[in-house]
């Protein structure tokens, strides 16, 4: 059996949280998957989306585990990956919230003629 390092376990936990939050947000509101490749899998089924996300993530984690065990800079690569994932996730989440909560209503207020084009976002 393959033993993940503590960094691998942390990254796997973050990815699983990402999957559950993504599916939850898609079910409750006007959110969408921003990754066009994963959006294609999601358009077929949620199960396919989850399987592909876990498979691709597992390949990445295995590569990071190899670097972590065989090279001195493996820990740095792992930590950079974890912090990048968290930072981008928060940036995109906050960005989507600000877009739907403030920017689009503000645009509709000042430019009411674009409202039919914006209605696809709601």
C-alpha atoms as a PDB file:
ATOM      1  CA  UNK A   1       0.000   0.000   0.000  1.00  0.00           C
ATOM      2  CA  UNK A   2       1.217   3.473  -0.840  1.00  0.00           C
ATOM      3  CA  UNK A   3       1.792   5.846   2.080  1.00  0.00           C
ATOM      4  CA  UNK A   4       1.164   9.504   1.388  1.00  0.00           C
ATOM      5  CA  UNK A   5       3.244  12.091   3.190  1.00  0.00           C
ATOM      6  CA  UNK A   6       1.456  14.596   5.415  1.00  0.00           C
ATOM      7  CA  UNK A   7       1.539  17.084   2.534  1.00  0.00           C
ATOM      8  CA  UNK A   8      -0.132  14.575   0.229  1.00  0.00           C
ATOM      9  CA  UNK A   9      -2.872  14.002   2.781  1.00  0.00           C
ATOM     10  CA  UNK A  10      -3.411  17.747   3.192  1.00  0.00           C
ATOM     11  CA  UNK A  11      -3.623  18.265  -0.577  1.00  0.00           C
ATOM     12  CA  UNK A  12      -6.003  15.317  -0.937  1.00  0.00           C
ATOM     13  CA  UNK A  13      -8.228  16.758   1.796  1.00  0.00           C
ATOM     14  CA  UNK A  14      -8.259  20.168   0.068  1.00  0.00           C
ATOM     15  CA  UNK A  15      -9.201  18.553  -3.244  1.00  0.00           C
ATOM     16  CA  UNK A  16     -12.034  16.549  -1.648  1.00  0.00           C
ATOM     17  CA  UNK A  17     -13.353  19.712   0.027  1.00  0.00           C
ATOM     18  CA  UNK A  18     -13.177  21.446  -3.365  1.00  0.00           C
ATOM     19  CA  UNK A  19     -15.231  18.672  -4.969  1.00  0.00           C
ATOM     20  CA  UNK A  20     -17.951  18.757  -2.298  1.00  0.00           C
ATOM     21  CA  UNK A  21     -18.137  22.560  -2.220  1.00  0.00           C
ATOM     22  CA  UNK A  22     -18.292  22.753  -6.028  1.00  0.00           C
ATOM     23  CA  UNK A  23     -21.133  20.244  -6.223  1.00  0.00           C
ATOM     24  CA  UNK A  24     -22.954  21.935  -3.337  1.00  0.00           C
ATOM     25  CA  UNK A  25     -22.685  25.398  -4.880  1.00  0.00           C
ATOM     26  CA  UNK A  26     -23.843  24.119  -8.247  1.00  0.00           C
ATOM     27  CA  UNK A  27     -26.946  22.673  -6.595  1.00  0.00           C
ATOM     28  CA  UNK A  28     -27.967  25.785  -4.630  1.00  0.00           C
ATOM     29  CA  UNK A  29     -27.212  28.779  -6.772  1.00  0.00           C
ATOM     30  CA  UNK A  30     -26.225  30.474  -9.976  1.00  0.00           C
ATOM     31  CA  UNK A  31     -22.670  29.149  -9.842  1.00  0.00           C
ATOM     32  CA  UNK A  32     -20.813  27.316 -12.563  1.00  0.00           C
ATOM     33  CA  UNK A  33     -17.617  25.329 -12.955  1.00  0.00           C
ATOM     34  CA  UNK A  34     -15.027  27.769 -14.262  1.00  0.00           C
ATOM     35  CA  UNK A  35     -12.686  25.085 -15.628  1.00  0.00           C
ATOM     36  CA  UNK A  36     -13.963  24.380 -19.168  1.00  0.00           C
ATOM     37  CA  UNK A  37     -12.510  20.857 -19.243  1.00  0.00           C
ATOM     38  CA  UNK A  38     -14.147  19.869 -15.967  1.00  0.00           C
ATOM     39  CA  UNK A  39     -17.347  21.633 -17.055  1.00  0.00           C
ATOM     40  CA  UNK A  40     -17.529  19.248 -20.002  1.00  0.00           C
ATOM     41  CA  UNK A  41     -17.323  16.243 -17.670  1.00  0.00           C
ATOM     42  CA  UNK A  42     -19.860  17.831 -15.328  1.00  0.00           C
ATOM     43  CA  UNK A  43     -22.296  18.323 -18.202  1.00  0.00           C
ATOM     44  CA  UNK A  44     -22.352  14.520 -18.655  1.00  0.00           C
ATOM     45  CA  UNK A  45     -22.773  13.567 -14.993  1.00  0.00           C
ATOM     46  CA  UNK A  46     -21.666  14.471 -11.499  1.00  0.00           C
ATOM     47  CA  UNK A  47     -20.203  10.981 -11.008  1.00  0.00           C
ATOM     48  CA  UNK A  48     -17.982  11.384 -14.078  1.00  0.00           C
ATOM     49  CA  UNK A  49     -16.887  14.820 -12.838  1.00  0.00           C
ATOM     50  CA  UNK A  50     -15.918  13.402  -9.436  1.00  0.00           C
ATOM     51  CA  UNK A  51     -14.094  10.392 -10.932  1.00  0.00           C
ATOM     52  CA  UNK A  52     -12.083  12.501 -13.373  1.00  0.00           C
ATOM     53  CA  UNK A  53     -11.250  15.101 -10.710  1.00  0.00           C
ATOM     54  CA  UNK A  54     -10.023  12.413  -8.306  1.00  0.00           C
ATOM     55  CA  UNK A  55      -8.075  10.587 -11.047  1.00  0.00           C
ATOM     56  CA  UNK A  56      -6.312  13.732 -12.265  1.00  0.00           C
ATOM     57  CA  UNK A  57      -5.623  14.829  -8.704  1.00  0.00           C
ATOM     58  CA  UNK A  58      -4.216  11.404  -7.814  1.00  0.00           C
ATOM     59  CA  UNK A  59      -1.804  11.568 -10.754  1.00  0.00           C
ATOM     60  CA  UNK A  60      -0.631  14.986  -9.591  1.00  0.00           C
ATOM     61  CA  UNK A  61      -0.261  13.861  -5.979  1.00  0.00           C
ATOM     62  CA  UNK A  62       1.726  10.784  -7.036  1.00  0.00           C
ATOM     63  CA  UNK A  63       4.081  13.003  -9.026  1.00  0.00           C
ATOM     64  CA  UNK A  64       4.474  15.317  -6.032  1.00  0.00           C
ATOM     65  CA  UNK A  65       5.111  12.323  -3.758  1.00  0.00           C
ATOM     66  CA  UNK A  66       7.871  11.185  -6.106  1.00  0.00           C
ATOM     67  CA  UNK A  67       9.467  14.626  -6.011  1.00  0.00           C
ATOM     68  CA  UNK A  68       9.086  14.811  -2.253  1.00  0.00           C
ATOM     69  CA  UNK A  69      10.816  11.458  -1.677  1.00  0.00           C
ATOM     70  CA  UNK A  70      13.572  11.732  -4.282  1.00  0.00           C
ATOM     71  CA  UNK A  71      14.584  15.378  -4.419  1.00  0.00           C
ATOM     72  CA  UNK A  72      15.511  18.010  -1.858  1.00  0.00           C
ATOM     73  CA  UNK A  73      13.073  20.565  -3.271  1.00  0.00           C
ATOM     74  CA  UNK A  74      10.058  18.211  -3.152  1.00  0.00           C
ATOM     75  CA  UNK A  75       8.728  19.741   0.071  1.00  0.00           C
ATOM     76  CA  UNK A  76       8.937  23.215  -1.445  1.00  0.00           C
ATOM     77  CA  UNK A  77       7.007  22.075  -4.521  1.00  0.00           C
ATOM     78  CA  UNK A  78       4.357  20.495  -2.318  1.00  0.00           C
ATOM     79  CA  UNK A  79       3.938  23.579  -0.141  1.00  0.00           C
ATOM     80  CA  UNK A  80       3.828  25.842  -3.187  1.00  0.00           C
ATOM     81  CA  UNK A  81       1.134  23.634  -4.743  1.00  0.00           C
ATOM     82  CA  UNK A  82      -0.963  23.587  -1.566  1.00  0.00           C
ATOM     83  CA  UNK A  83      -0.796  27.352  -1.032  1.00  0.00           C
ATOM     84  CA  UNK A  84      -1.434  28.067  -4.716  1.00  0.00           C
ATOM     85  CA  UNK A  85      -4.509  25.826  -4.689  1.00  0.00           C
ATOM     86  CA  UNK A  86      -5.892  27.497  -1.567  1.00  0.00           C
ATOM     87  CA  UNK A  87      -5.091  31.020  -2.824  1.00  0.00           C
ATOM     88  CA  UNK A  88      -6.652  30.505  -6.251  1.00  0.00           C
ATOM     89  CA  UNK A  89      -9.702  28.833  -4.757  1.00  0.00           C
ATOM     90  CA  UNK A  90     -10.289  31.719  -2.367  1.00  0.00           C
ATOM     91  CA  UNK A  91      -9.599  34.294  -5.068  1.00  0.00           C
ATOM     92  CA  UNK A  92     -12.066  32.698  -7.480  1.00  0.00           C
ATOM     93  CA  UNK A  93     -14.684  32.179  -4.749  1.00  0.00           C
ATOM     94  CA  UNK A  94     -14.496  35.764  -3.536  1.00  0.00           C
ATOM     95  CA  UNK A  95     -14.371  36.994  -7.134  1.00  0.00           C
ATOM     96  CA  UNK A  96     -17.532  35.060  -8.040  1.00  0.00           C
ATOM     97  CA  UNK A  97     -19.297  36.373  -4.940  1.00  0.00           C
ATOM     98  CA  UNK A  98     -18.349  39.965  -5.734  1.00  0.00           C
ATOM     99  CA  UNK A  99     -19.322  39.533  -9.375  1.00  0.00           C
ATOM    100  CA  UNK A 100     -22.815  38.235  -8.624  1.00  0.00           C
ATOM    101  CA  UNK A 101     -23.450  40.368  -5.550  1.00  0.00           C
ATOM    102  CA  UNK A 102     -22.105  43.759  -6.580  1.00  0.00           C
ATOM    103  CA  UNK A 103     -20.685  44.121 -10.069  1.00  0.00           C
ATOM    104  CA  UNK A 104     -23.544  42.725 -12.139  1.00  0.00           C
ATOM    105  CA  UNK A 105     -26.302  44.561 -10.216  1.00  0.00           C
ATOM    106  CA  UNK A 106     -24.225  47.735 -10.478  1.00  0.00           C
ATOM    107  CA  UNK A 107     -23.857  47.291 -14.240  1.00  0.00           C
ATOM    108  CA  UNK A 108     -27.587  46.634 -14.583  1.00  0.00           C
ATOM    109  CA  UNK A 109     -28.353  49.759 -12.585  1.00  0.00           C
ATOM    110  CA  UNK A 110     -26.206  52.055 -14.731  1.00  0.00           C
ATOM    111  CA  UNK A 111     -26.770  50.279 -18.057  1.00  0.00           C
ATOM    112  CA  UNK A 112     -30.323  48.867 -18.029  1.00  0.00           C
ATOM    113  CA  UNK A 113     -30.244  48.170 -21.770  1.00  0.00           C
ATOM    114  CA  UNK A 114     -27.794  45.298 -21.291  1.00  0.00           C
ATOM    115  CA  UNK A 115     -30.197  43.503 -18.951  1.00  0.00           C
ATOM    116  CA  UNK A 116     -31.405  40.905 -21.532  1.00  0.00           C
ATOM    117  CA  UNK A 117     -27.811  39.894 -22.238  1.00  0.00           C
ATOM    118  CA  UNK A 118     -27.046  39.648 -18.499  1.00  0.00           C
ATOM    119  CA  UNK A 119     -30.110  37.559 -17.749  1.00  0.00           C
ATOM    120  CA  UNK A 120     -28.253  34.390 -18.761  1.00  0.00           C
ATOM    121  CA  UNK A 121     -26.020  34.836 -15.717  1.00  0.00           C
ATOM    122  CA  UNK A 122     -28.861  34.655 -13.207  1.00  0.00           C
END
